[in-house]
Amino acid sequence: TEAPLASPCVRNCCLDDQDICLGCQRSVEEIIAWGPASNAERRAILERAAARAQARRQRYPSSFRDT
């Protein structure tokens, strides 16, 4: 069987006004659902979080350092 995908948590938990974590970009619902989620569900969560992170970078470019 496939090993479970690791949590994207970066231990920088702080929720914005829409209950999205500023550290990992997951919603509260996605954070709660992570534990029992299948890898397919986890991949979908990661894709949504990545899209949120990209949108946030475009909206607030000065908040992110170039690395």
Protein backbone atom coordinates (compact mmCIF):
# COMPACT_ATOMS: atom_id res chain seq x y z
CA THR A 1 0.00 0.00 0.00
CA GLU A 2 0.96 3.59 -0.52
CA ALA A 3 2.39 5.48 2.47
CA PRO A 4 0.15 8.30 3.74
CA LEU A 5 1.03 11.76 2.45
CA ALA A 6 2.68 13.90 5.12
CA SER A 7 0.86 16.87 6.58
CA PRO A 8 1.82 20.23 5.04
CA CYS A 9 1.74 21.85 8.49
CA VAL A 10 4.70 24.20 8.96
CA ARG A 11 3.91 24.98 12.64
CA ASN A 12 3.01 28.57 11.80
CA CYS A 13 -0.68 28.30 12.61
CA CYS A 14 -2.62 31.52 12.34
CA LEU A 15 -6.06 31.77 10.74
CA ASP A 16 -7.14 34.60 8.47
CA ASP A 17 -10.68 36.02 8.29
CA GLN A 18 -11.82 33.09 6.13
CA ASP A 19 -10.39 30.48 8.54
CA ILE A 20 -7.47 29.67 6.24
CA CYS A 21 -4.17 28.87 7.96
CA LEU A 22 -1.49 31.37 6.96
CA GLY A 23 1.18 28.70 7.41
CA CYS A 24 -0.11 25.81 5.27
CA GLN A 25 -3.00 27.53 3.45
CA ARG A 26 -5.50 24.81 4.44
CA SER A 27 -8.98 25.65 5.66
CA VAL A 28 -10.00 24.61 9.17
CA GLU A 29 -12.23 21.96 7.60
CA GLU A 30 -9.30 20.60 5.58
CA ILE A 31 -7.06 20.52 8.65
CA ILE A 32 -9.68 18.55 10.57
CA ALA A 33 -10.28 16.20 7.62
CA TRP A 34 -6.56 15.49 7.07
CA GLY A 35 -6.15 12.64 9.59
CA PRO A 36 -8.73 10.22 8.19
CA ALA A 37 -8.38 11.40 4.56
CA SER A 38 -7.21 9.04 1.84
CA ASN A 39 -4.16 9.99 -0.19
CA ALA A 40 -6.46 11.04 -3.05
CA GLU A 41 -8.33 13.36 -0.69
CA ARG A 42 -5.03 14.64 0.73
CA ARG A 43 -3.75 15.39 -2.79
CA ALA A 44 -6.92 17.39 -3.48
CA ILE A 45 -6.41 19.34 -0.23
CA LEU A 46 -2.79 20.03 -1.17
CA GLU A 47 -3.84 21.26 -4.63
CA ARG A 48 -6.41 23.65 -3.14
CA ALA A 49 -3.87 24.88 -0.58
CA ALA A 50 -1.27 25.48 -3.31
CA ALA A 51 -3.81 27.46 -5.34
CA ARG A 52 -4.64 29.56 -2.27
CA ALA A 53 -0.94 30.18 -1.62
CA GLN A 54 -0.41 31.31 -5.22
CA ALA A 55 -3.43 33.64 -5.06
CA ARG A 56 -2.20 35.08 -1.75
CA ARG A 57 1.29 35.70 -3.23
CA GLN A 58 -0.26 37.54 -6.16
CA ARG A 59 -2.55 39.57 -3.90
CA TYR A 60 0.10 40.42 -1.30
CA PRO A 61 3.51 40.16 -3.01
CA SER A 62 5.33 42.26 -0.41
CA SER A 63 4.39 39.71 2.28
CA PHE A 64 6.57 37.02 0.71
CA ARG A 65 10.33 36.86 0.40
CA ASP A 66 11.93 35.65 -2.81
CA THR A 67 13.81 32.44 -2.11
